[in-house]
Amino acid sequence: MGLAAPAAAHTPVLLGSDDTVDALDRSPLAPIGTVSFAFYGRTSAVGDTRAVRIQLSRGEPFHAQLLIPDLAPENELPVPQLPRLSILGPDRAMTTLDNTARAPFFEPFTQTSYLTLADTASAAQAGTYTLVVTGSAPARFVIATGDTEQFGAPLVNATAATLSDVQTWYRTPPSEFRGTAHVSNPPDRPDFDTAFC
């Protein structure tokens, strides 16, 4: 299932290197979690994280996806080196999504191509969902959330990106690998778990 809403409806947001699990209170927050956002980021080392938050009411549709550009080096990475998406629900339950799918998706508004690695949808619990991407190699990624088009939707700790911003992000390969070891299941790391406490 590609981006569920028309791609242009996903408000683009660029994530910075400071949008990590160590700074959740300052990470981007979508107060209306049903609104469609596309959070564009990159990881540059093993264990590097990027985090966003969305708020939902009980029973509202929760929808999240993890995509990578259909470009080298991301589309050449073996599964253990692909980014992983973990979701911390309002009940503090952590789920790490399988990242083995590679469904192609063309985004006509930005004229960019992606591979969808993970896609999940369910009825929401009331509260804040934290979505964390953990890297095992330098990689660009997109966290897509929500399905409802709403231009000018509220966003805390971030601003919408321009078309030029997204195209520059897409055309700029990730930085050189700085890690020293592969992390097979980053959410099991003690520092990852305690970051949410």
Protein backbone atom coordinates (compact mmCIF):
# COMPACT_ATOMS: atom_id res chain seq x y z
CA MET A 1 0.00 0.00 0.00
CA GLY A 2 1.77 3.25 -1.07
CA LEU A 3 1.19 6.62 0.55
CA ALA A 4 -2.52 6.40 1.23
CA ALA A 5 -3.48 9.99 0.51
CA PRO A 6 -2.47 11.81 -2.66
CA ALA A 7 1.25 12.46 -2.26
CA ALA A 8 0.88 16.22 -2.52
CA ALA A 9 -1.46 16.02 0.48
CA HIS A 10 1.35 14.82 2.76
CA THR A 11 2.80 18.00 4.25
CA PRO A 12 6.60 17.65 3.94
CA VAL A 13 8.80 18.20 7.00
CA LEU A 14 12.60 17.91 7.08
CA LEU A 15 14.03 16.28 10.19
CA GLY A 16 17.28 17.59 11.62
CA SER A 17 20.12 15.79 13.36
CA ASP A 18 18.74 17.00 16.71
CA ASP A 19 15.33 15.30 16.24
CA THR A 20 16.37 12.19 18.20
CA VAL A 21 15.03 9.97 20.97
CA ASP A 22 17.29 11.92 23.33
CA ALA A 23 15.29 15.09 22.66
CA LEU A 24 11.69 13.87 22.36
CA ASP A 25 10.24 16.97 24.02
CA ARG A 26 11.74 19.04 21.18
CA SER A 27 10.98 16.62 18.33
CA PRO A 28 8.31 17.46 15.73
CA LEU A 29 4.75 16.94 16.98
CA ALA A 30 1.63 16.68 14.82
CA PRO A 31 -1.23 17.51 17.22
CA ILE A 32 -3.79 16.16 14.73
CA GLY A 33 -2.39 12.71 13.98
CA THR A 34 -4.89 11.90 11.24
CA VAL A 35 -3.47 14.69 9.06
CA SER A 36 -0.99 13.46 6.47
CA PHE A 37 2.67 14.39 7.01
CA ALA A 38 5.84 13.13 5.34
CA PHE A 39 8.87 13.48 7.61
CA TYR A 40 12.09 13.37 5.55
CA GLY A 41 15.25 12.42 7.39
CA ARG A 42 18.57 10.65 7.24
CA THR A 43 20.70 8.56 9.55
CA SER A 44 24.46 8.72 9.39
CA ALA A 45 25.73 6.08 11.83
CA VAL A 46 24.80 2.81 13.49
CA GLY A 47 22.20 3.52 16.16
CA ASP A 48 21.50 7.05 14.88
CA THR A 49 17.83 7.91 15.55
CA ARG A 50 15.22 10.37 14.34
CA ALA A 51 11.92 10.82 16.17
CA VAL A 52 8.52 12.40 15.55
CA ARG A 53 5.31 12.39 17.57
CA ILE A 54 1.65 12.40 16.61
CA GLN A 55 -1.42 12.78 18.81
CA LEU A 56 -4.62 10.83 18.24
CA SER A 57 -7.98 10.36 19.92
CA ARG A 58 -9.33 6.92 20.77
CA GLY A 59 -10.60 5.10 17.69
CA GLU A 60 -9.13 7.50 15.13
CA PRO A 61 -7.19 5.83 12.31
CA PHE A 62 -3.49 5.44 13.07
CA HIS A 63 -1.41 5.01 9.90
CA ALA A 64 2.37 5.06 9.54
CA GLN A 65 4.81 4.03 6.83
CA LEU A 66 8.57 3.87 6.41
CA LEU A 67 9.97 4.53 2.94
CA ILE A 68 13.43 4.95 1.43
CA PRO A 69 14.38 6.59 -1.86
CA ASP A 70 14.56 4.13 -4.74
CA LEU A 71 18.16 5.28 -5.23
CA ALA A 72 21.62 4.02 -4.37
CA PRO A 73 22.81 3.44 -1.76
CA GLU A 74 19.47 2.83 0.01
CA ASN A 75 17.95 0.52 -2.63
CA GLU A 76 21.14 -1.59 -2.56
CA LEU A 77 21.31 -2.07 1.22
CA PRO A 78 20.72 -5.58 2.60
CA VAL A 79 17.76 -5.82 4.99
CA PRO A 80 19.92 -5.76 8.18
CA GLN A 81 21.31 -2.36 7.12
CA LEU A 82 17.96 -0.76 6.26
CA PRO A 83 16.42 1.75 8.67
CA ARG A 84 13.85 0.38 11.14
CA LEU A 85 10.68 2.08 12.37
CA SER A 86 9.67 1.57 16.00
CA ILE A 87 6.41 2.87 17.42
CA LEU A 88 5.84 3.66 21.08
CA GLY A 89 2.11 3.83 21.75
CA PRO A 90 0.32 5.85 24.42
CA ASP A 91 0.22 2.65 26.53
CA ARG A 92 4.07 2.59 26.40
CA ALA A 93 4.03 -0.62 24.31
CA MET A 94 6.86 -0.67 21.75
CA THR A 95 6.47 -2.24 18.31
CA THR A 96 9.30 -2.46 15.78
CA LEU A 97 7.97 -2.96 12.27
CA ASP A 98 9.29 -5.53 9.83
CA ASN A 99 11.30 -3.68 7.17
CA THR A 100 11.51 -6.36 4.48
CA ALA A 101 8.88 -5.07 2.04
CA ARG A 102 10.12 -3.11 -0.96
CA ALA A 103 6.92 -1.90 -2.62
CA PRO A 104 7.69 0.76 -5.27
CA PHE A 105 5.96 4.12 -5.03
CA PHE A 106 6.25 7.13 -7.37
CA GLU A 107 5.41 10.49 -5.83
CA PRO A 108 4.18 12.73 -8.68
CA PHE A 109 4.26 16.08 -6.86
CA THR A 110 8.01 15.93 -6.18
CA GLN A 111 8.78 13.57 -9.09
CA THR A 112 10.59 11.18 -6.73
CA SER A 113 10.55 7.38 -6.40
CA TYR A 114 10.52 5.35 -3.20
CA LEU A 115 10.40 1.84 -1.80
CA THR A 116 7.92 1.28 1.03
CA LEU A 117 9.63 -0.85 3.68
CA ALA A 118 6.87 -0.94 6.31
CA ASP A 119 3.20 0.01 6.54
CA THR A 120 0.91 -0.26 9.56
CA ALA A 121 -2.63 0.87 10.31
CA SER A 122 -4.97 0.37 13.26
CA ALA A 123 -7.56 2.07 15.42
CA ALA A 124 -5.73 4.46 17.74
CA GLN A 125 -5.53 4.63 21.48
CA ALA A 126 -5.93 8.10 22.94
CA GLY A 127 -2.64 9.91 23.38
CA THR A 128 0.75 10.49 21.81
CA TYR A 129 2.50 8.03 19.50
CA THR A 130 6.28 8.31 19.18
CA LEU A 131 7.74 7.10 15.87
CA VAL A 132 11.48 6.43 15.87
CA VAL A 133 13.67 5.47 12.94
CA THR A 134 16.93 3.78 13.89
CA GLY A 135 19.74 3.52 11.37
CA SER A 136 22.15 0.65 10.79
CA ALA A 137 23.89 2.42 7.89
CA PRO A 138 23.83 5.90 6.37
CA ALA A 139 20.42 6.22 4.72
CA ARG A 140 17.66 8.62 3.76
CA PHE A 141 14.12 7.71 4.84
CA VAL A 142 10.57 9.04 5.02
CA ILE A 143 8.10 8.50 7.84
CA ALA A 144 4.61 9.02 6.39
CA THR A 145 1.75 9.48 8.86
CA GLY A 146 -1.96 10.13 8.60
CA ASP A 147 -4.29 10.02 5.62
CA THR A 148 -6.30 13.25 5.76
CA GLU A 149 -5.30 16.19 3.58
CA GLN A 150 -5.18 19.46 5.49
CA PHE A 151 -2.95 22.21 4.19
CA GLY A 152 -1.59 24.46 6.91
CA ALA A 153 -2.21 21.80 9.57
CA PRO A 154 -0.70 22.60 12.96
CA LEU A 155 2.81 21.36 13.63
CA VAL A 156 4.89 21.91 16.78
CA ASN A 157 8.72 22.15 16.81
CA ALA A 158 8.95 22.06 13.00
CA THR A 159 7.86 23.85 9.85
CA ALA A 160 6.73 22.59 6.48
CA ALA A 161 9.47 22.07 3.90
CA THR A 162 9.38 23.43 0.36
CA LEU A 163 9.36 21.40 -2.84
CA SER A 164 12.96 22.50 -3.37
CA ASP A 165 13.90 21.27 0.14
CA VAL A 166 12.48 17.82 -0.60
CA GLN A 167 14.15 17.56 -4.00
CA THR A 168 17.51 18.60 -2.51
CA TRP A 169 17.11 16.00 0.26
CA TYR A 170 16.28 13.38 -2.39
CA ARG A 171 19.26 14.21 -4.61
CA THR A 172 21.81 14.35 -1.77
CA PRO A 173 23.20 10.92 -0.83
CA PRO A 174 23.70 10.12 2.85
CA SER A 175 27.04 10.88 4.46
CA GLU A 176 29.77 8.29 4.74
CA PHE A 177 29.32 5.50 7.24
CA ARG A 178 30.66 6.46 10.70
CA GLY A 179 29.55 3.43 12.72
CA THR A 180 31.74 0.58 13.86
CA ALA A 181 29.30 -2.29 14.25
CA HIS A 182 25.95 -3.45 13.01
CA VAL A 183 23.03 -3.15 15.45
CA SER A 184 20.67 -6.02 14.68
CA ASN A 185 17.76 -4.89 16.87
CA PRO A 186 18.33 -1.30 18.02
CA PRO A 187 15.16 -1.03 20.17
CA ASP A 188 16.69 -3.62 22.55
CA ARG A 189 19.53 -1.22 23.37
CA PRO A 190 19.24 0.02 26.97
CA ASP A 191 19.76 3.66 25.96
CA PHE A 192 16.92 3.38 23.42
CA ASP A 193 14.50 2.02 26.03
CA THR A 194 15.44 4.54 28.73
CA ALA A 195 15.08 7.45 26.32
CA PHE A 196 11.31 6.98 26.55
CA CYS A 197 11.13 6.82 30.35
